[in-house]
Amino acid sequence: MTEHEHEQEHAHEQEHAHEQESAHDGTDRAHDGTDRADGAGHVSTGTTTETGDAAAAIPELVIISGMSGAGRSTAAKCLEDLGWFVVDNLPPALIPTMVELGARSQGNVARIAVVVDVRGRRFFDNLRESLADLAARHVTRRIVFLESSDDALVRRFESVRRPHPLQGDGRIVDGIAAERDLLRELRGDADLVIDTSSLNVHELRAKMDAQFAGDEEPELRATVMSFGFKYGLPVDADLVADCRFLPNPHWVPELRPFTGLNEEVSAYVFNQPGAKEFLNQYTELLQLVAAGYRREGKRYVTIAVGCTGGKHRSVAMSEKLAARLAAEGIETVLVHRDMGRE
């Protein structure tokens, strides 16, 4: 055998050995399921994504929507500062795809916030289809809805001298009315509604921080808000309690200058017939409601407690109620909306 023929035979033997090793390796990997011929992972229809040996959880998903001018961009920037991956004005039909991409990121995208700007009927239909798709895949999603009064929205659009996206040839109020009609169903499905009518940018950020800044998500968060009926009902309230059945400290001259934070005012309120009984029984009612909210996956509840001016009775009752809820293990934020307005 010549030297040239010997080299060819040696090369052929090496090539044959390499093919057998590759075939054996591919068989072993296919058998144990840790690798496949196409080399690609796949997204499961449940709550995990499998890539090789790793199982990555579907990322948390928050959908931010609401009225134009109500603070969607501010809410999104707040979540971005908290480490969320934020996508602004993503077409609703692409939300499931975004979740799949996050699941394939090997934990690099663990929390996704999507800002949805609903400006048309077909757009809204796509959003409903996407939400149904996410539910079918058992993806946990939360909807944050930014609300505001017509007067506040008109002032904001006029201050920046911009038309409302839906007003067309009409007025700003026409665009607001059209948008409210489109968003009515989505608002009803929202897990958290924030009324920004009387909030500045910093106050809205504080509300978002209170809801999302924690490292561990609590089972249920409650906002207890005192208010005055003469200033209007809080539009973001899930439950409303009326304390006007109690005598008003306003008519006691020595108590009138103070608020429900004052010990003498609080003692006066809770020494009235029915005050302590109301607190006890309403707390029991909220325990029942909270258990139902947990079963339904609702994470946020706003409890509004009102009196005439939001200064005495509602403030004192809200303080006690918030303390009771906190003692029950419910993370509670206390807000006195109208205290100081008189």
Foldseek 3Di string as FASTA:
>chain_A
DDPVVVVVVVVVVVVVVVVVVVVVVQVVCVVVVQAHPVRAWAQDLAQWTDHRPDTFGQAEEEEEEAFVPLQSVLLQVLVVVLPAAEDEQDQLLCVVVVRRVLRVPRPPHRHYYYYHYDDDDVSLVSNVVSVVSCVSSVHDYAYEYRAEDPVQSLVRCVVVVHAQPQQVPHHNSNSRVVVCVSCVVVVVVHLFYDYCHPPDSVRVSVVSCLQPNDPDHDLAAEEEEEFAPVVPDDPRAPAEAEPQVFDDCCPVVVPNVAFQVDPVLLVNRCVTPPRVVCLVVVLVVVVVVSVVCSVVSRHYHYYYYYYHQLGGNRVSSSVSNQVSVVVVVHHYHYYSDRHPVD
